[in-house]
Amino acid sequence: MLPFNPRELRRMLRRMGIRVEELSNVKSVSIVLDDHEIIIRNPQVSVMTVQGQKIYQIVGGQEEKVEISAESGVVEEITFSDDDIKFVMEQAGVDREVAIRALKEAGGDIAKAIILITEGKLKS
């Protein structure tokens, strides 16, 4: 880590004309590309203002990919990280398809997906 405490670091950045602000209560961040959209849920977001330009730093959170149809721009499919899928599979003792279906129904919430499977509340 840095040999500075956070307060000293903020002061130094202010002297250099850099302002850092933490955004609180961020629910999700979307990055839209040509063929898909990346949605990051519950991230930590910081905004640095340098010479009038804003730089956004996004850290952590649950990531999911949403595929977009080229012709219509309509959302087709949601995909989740392999780690999330494997974790649900291991914890709930189900195959990949059931884990993905549970994650979709739970909106990407891993704990909720596992609960849906174990309590038998997963829609067919």
C-alpha atoms as a PDB file:
ATOM      1  CA  MET A   1       0.000   0.000   0.000  1.00  0.00           C
ATOM      2  CA  LEU A   2       0.951   3.641  -0.168  1.00  0.00           C
ATOM      3  CA  PRO A   3       2.980   5.124   2.694  1.00  0.00           C
ATOM      4  CA  PHE A   4       0.357   7.922   2.975  1.00  0.00           C
ATOM      5  CA  ASN A   5      -2.754   7.995   5.026  1.00  0.00           C
ATOM      6  CA  PRO A   6      -5.925   8.687   2.992  1.00  0.00           C
ATOM      7  CA  ARG A   7      -6.337  12.196   4.379  1.00  0.00           C
ATOM      8  CA  GLU A   8      -2.817  13.246   3.349  1.00  0.00           C
ATOM      9  CA  LEU A   9      -3.315  11.686  -0.072  1.00  0.00           C
ATOM     10  CA  ARG A  10      -6.544  13.664  -0.604  1.00  0.00           C
ATOM     11  CA  ARG A  11      -4.771  16.878   0.408  1.00  0.00           C
ATOM     12  CA  MET A  12      -1.919  16.187  -2.007  1.00  0.00           C
ATOM     13  CA  LEU A  13      -4.333  15.464  -4.842  1.00  0.00           C
ATOM     14  CA  ARG A  14      -6.245  18.683  -4.102  1.00  0.00           C
ATOM     15  CA  ARG A  15      -2.993  20.665  -4.284  1.00  0.00           C
ATOM     16  CA  MET A  16      -2.363  19.131  -7.717  1.00  0.00           C
ATOM     17  CA  GLY A  17      -5.853  20.153  -8.845  1.00  0.00           C
ATOM     18  CA  ILE A  18      -7.359  16.672  -8.642  1.00  0.00           C
ATOM     19  CA  ARG A  19     -10.648  16.197  -6.823  1.00  0.00           C
ATOM     20  CA  VAL A  20     -11.792  12.693  -5.800  1.00  0.00           C
ATOM     21  CA  GLU A  21     -15.373  11.892  -4.828  1.00  0.00           C
ATOM     22  CA  GLU A  22     -16.926   8.550  -3.813  1.00  0.00           C
ATOM     23  CA  LEU A  23     -20.418   7.932  -5.166  1.00  0.00           C
ATOM     24  CA  SER A  24     -22.604   6.210  -2.591  1.00  0.00           C
ATOM     25  CA  ASN A  25     -25.594   3.899  -3.061  1.00  0.00           C
ATOM     26  CA  VAL A  26     -24.675   2.940  -6.646  1.00  0.00           C
ATOM     27  CA  LYS A  27     -26.983   0.096  -7.729  1.00  0.00           C
ATOM     28  CA  SER A  28     -25.490  -0.744 -11.143  1.00  0.00           C
ATOM     29  CA  VAL A  29     -23.234   0.475 -13.950  1.00  0.00           C
ATOM     30  CA  SER A  30     -23.931  -0.372 -17.611  1.00  0.00           C
ATOM     31  CA  ILE A  31     -21.346  -0.374 -20.393  1.00  0.00           C
ATOM     32  CA  VAL A  32     -23.035  -0.672 -23.792  1.00  0.00           C
ATOM     33  CA  LEU A  33     -20.969  -2.123 -26.656  1.00  0.00           C
ATOM     34  CA  ASP A  34     -21.978  -2.901 -30.256  1.00  0.00           C
ATOM     35  CA  ASP A  35     -22.969  -6.512 -29.629  1.00  0.00           C
ATOM     36  CA  HIS A  36     -23.536  -6.730 -25.878  1.00  0.00           C
ATOM     37  CA  GLU A  37     -23.919  -4.801 -22.660  1.00  0.00           C
ATOM     38  CA  ILE A  38     -21.919  -5.301 -19.466  1.00  0.00           C
ATOM     39  CA  ILE A  39     -23.867  -4.664 -16.277  1.00  0.00           C
ATOM     40  CA  ILE A  40     -21.978  -4.378 -12.990  1.00  0.00           C
ATOM     41  CA  ARG A  41     -24.235  -4.567  -9.943  1.00  0.00           C
ATOM     42  CA  ASN A  42     -23.373  -3.062  -6.534  1.00  0.00           C
ATOM     43  CA  PRO A  43     -20.012  -1.552  -7.574  1.00  0.00           C
ATOM     44  CA  GLN A  44     -17.883   0.976  -5.736  1.00  0.00           C
ATOM     45  CA  VAL A  45     -17.616   4.069  -7.941  1.00  0.00           C
ATOM     46  CA  SER A  46     -15.156   6.952  -7.577  1.00  0.00           C
ATOM     47  CA  VAL A  47     -15.078  10.113  -9.677  1.00  0.00           C
ATOM     48  CA  MET A  48     -11.797  11.974 -10.185  1.00  0.00           C
ATOM     49  CA  THR A  49     -12.003  15.464 -11.669  1.00  0.00           C
ATOM     50  CA  VAL A  50      -8.768  16.515 -13.374  1.00  0.00           C
ATOM     51  CA  GLN A  51      -8.613  19.801 -15.301  1.00  0.00           C
ATOM     52  CA  GLY A  52     -12.372  19.753 -15.835  1.00  0.00           C
ATOM     53  CA  GLN A  53     -12.471  16.168 -17.112  1.00  0.00           C
ATOM     54  CA  LYS A  54     -14.120  13.421 -15.087  1.00  0.00           C
ATOM     55  CA  ILE A  55     -12.586   9.970 -14.725  1.00  0.00           C
ATOM     56  CA  TYR A  56     -14.832   7.223 -13.359  1.00  0.00           C
ATOM     57  CA  GLN A  57     -13.315   4.264 -11.525  1.00  0.00           C
ATOM     58  CA  ILE A  58     -15.557   1.213 -11.094  1.00  0.00           C
ATOM     59  CA  VAL A  59     -14.488  -1.508  -8.660  1.00  0.00           C
ATOM     60  CA  GLY A  60     -15.997  -4.908  -7.906  1.00  0.00           C
ATOM     61  CA  GLY A  61     -19.598  -5.935  -7.961  1.00  0.00           C
ATOM     62  CA  GLN A  62     -21.375  -8.759  -9.774  1.00  0.00           C
ATOM     63  CA  GLU A  63     -20.842  -8.736 -13.525  1.00  0.00           C
ATOM     64  CA  GLU A  64     -23.243 -10.001 -16.153  1.00  0.00           C
ATOM     65  CA  LYS A  65     -23.268  -9.797 -19.945  1.00  0.00           C
ATOM     66  CA  VAL A  66     -26.397  -9.036 -21.930  1.00  0.00           C
ATOM     67  CA  GLU A  67     -26.294  -9.975 -25.627  1.00  0.00           C
ATOM     68  CA  ILE A  68     -27.971  -7.494 -27.978  1.00  0.00           C
ATOM     69  CA  SER A  69     -29.417  -8.407 -31.379  1.00  0.00           C
ATOM     70  CA  ALA A  70     -27.766  -6.455 -34.205  1.00  0.00           C
ATOM     71  CA  GLU A  71     -31.009  -5.856 -36.161  1.00  0.00           C
ATOM     72  CA  SER A  72     -33.421  -4.886 -33.443  1.00  0.00           C
ATOM     73  CA  GLY A  73     -31.252  -3.803 -30.533  1.00  0.00           C
ATOM     74  CA  VAL A  74     -33.398  -6.052 -28.339  1.00  0.00           C
ATOM     75  CA  VAL A  75     -31.869  -7.887 -25.417  1.00  0.00           C
ATOM     76  CA  GLU A  76     -31.636 -11.601 -26.210  1.00  0.00           C
ATOM     77  CA  GLU A  77     -29.766 -13.407 -23.494  1.00  0.00           C
ATOM     78  CA  ILE A  78     -28.091 -12.772 -20.180  1.00  0.00           C
ATOM     79  CA  THR A  79     -24.840 -14.573 -19.440  1.00  0.00           C
ATOM     80  CA  PHE A  80     -23.016 -14.752 -16.140  1.00  0.00           C
ATOM     81  CA  SER A  81     -19.377 -15.262 -15.224  1.00  0.00           C
ATOM     82  CA  ASP A  82     -18.210 -18.875 -15.155  1.00  0.00           C
ATOM     83  CA  ASP A  83     -17.204 -18.459 -11.510  1.00  0.00           C
ATOM     84  CA  ASP A  84     -20.768 -17.483 -10.531  1.00  0.00           C
ATOM     85  CA  ILE A  85     -22.259 -20.393 -12.484  1.00  0.00           C
ATOM     86  CA  LYS A  86     -19.775 -22.921 -11.043  1.00  0.00           C
ATOM     87  CA  PHE A  87     -20.387 -21.639  -7.518  1.00  0.00           C
ATOM     88  CA  VAL A  88     -24.174 -22.065  -7.845  1.00  0.00           C
ATOM     89  CA  MET A  89     -23.666 -25.530  -9.390  1.00  0.00           C
ATOM     90  CA  GLU A  90     -21.417 -26.657  -6.513  1.00  0.00           C
ATOM     91  CA  GLN A  91     -23.504 -25.194  -3.707  1.00  0.00           C
ATOM     92  CA  ALA A  92     -26.882 -26.374  -5.016  1.00  0.00           C
ATOM     93  CA  GLY A  93     -25.691 -29.634  -6.598  1.00  0.00           C
ATOM     94  CA  VAL A  94     -27.271 -28.932  -9.997  1.00  0.00           C
ATOM     95  CA  ASP A  95     -26.144 -28.923 -13.619  1.00  0.00           C
ATOM     96  CA  ARG A  96     -25.058 -25.843 -15.576  1.00  0.00           C
ATOM     97  CA  GLU A  97     -28.423 -25.165 -17.258  1.00  0.00           C
ATOM     98  CA  VAL A  98     -30.332 -25.147 -13.956  1.00  0.00           C
ATOM     99  CA  ALA A  99     -27.708 -22.860 -12.385  1.00  0.00           C
ATOM    100  CA  ILE A 100     -27.974 -20.391 -15.287  1.00  0.00           C
ATOM    101  CA  ARG A 101     -31.788 -20.454 -15.172  1.00  0.00           C
ATOM    102  CA  ALA A 102     -31.710 -19.782 -11.417  1.00  0.00           C
ATOM    103  CA  LEU A 103     -29.254 -16.893 -11.858  1.00  0.00           C
ATOM    104  CA  LYS A 104     -31.482 -15.353 -14.537  1.00  0.00           C
ATOM    105  CA  GLU A 105     -34.563 -15.647 -12.342  1.00  0.00           C
ATOM    106  CA  ALA A 106     -32.647 -14.199  -9.374  1.00  0.00           C
ATOM    107  CA  GLY A 107     -31.389 -11.259 -11.450  1.00  0.00           C
ATOM    108  CA  GLY A 108     -27.760 -12.286 -10.962  1.00  0.00           C
ATOM    109  CA  ASP A 109     -28.019 -12.604  -7.163  1.00  0.00           C
ATOM    110  CA  ILE A 110     -26.011 -15.749  -6.367  1.00  0.00           C
ATOM    111  CA  ALA A 111     -27.444 -16.333  -2.892  1.00  0.00           C
ATOM    112  CA  LYS A 112     -31.008 -15.904  -4.135  1.00  0.00           C
ATOM    113  CA  ALA A 113     -30.339 -18.332  -7.017  1.00  0.00           C
ATOM    114  CA  ILE A 114     -29.098 -20.998  -4.589  1.00  0.00           C
ATOM    115  CA  ILE A 115     -32.124 -20.466  -2.336  1.00  0.00           C
ATOM    116  CA  LEU A 116     -34.508 -20.749  -5.315  1.00  0.00           C
ATOM    117  CA  ILE A 117     -32.971 -24.107  -6.218  1.00  0.00           C
ATOM    118  CA  THR A 118     -32.718 -25.563  -2.711  1.00  0.00           C
ATOM    119  CA  GLU A 119     -36.259 -24.539  -1.744  1.00  0.00           C
ATOM    120  CA  GLY A 120     -37.677 -25.826  -5.038  1.00  0.00           C
ATOM    121  CA  LYS A 121     -39.053 -22.416  -6.024  1.00  0.00           C
ATOM    122  CA  LEU A 122     -37.320 -22.293  -9.414  1.00  0.00           C
ATOM    123  CA  LYS A 123     -39.859 -21.841 -12.224  1.00  0.00           C
ATOM    124  CA  SER A 124     -39.838 -24.566 -14.866  1.00  0.00           C
END
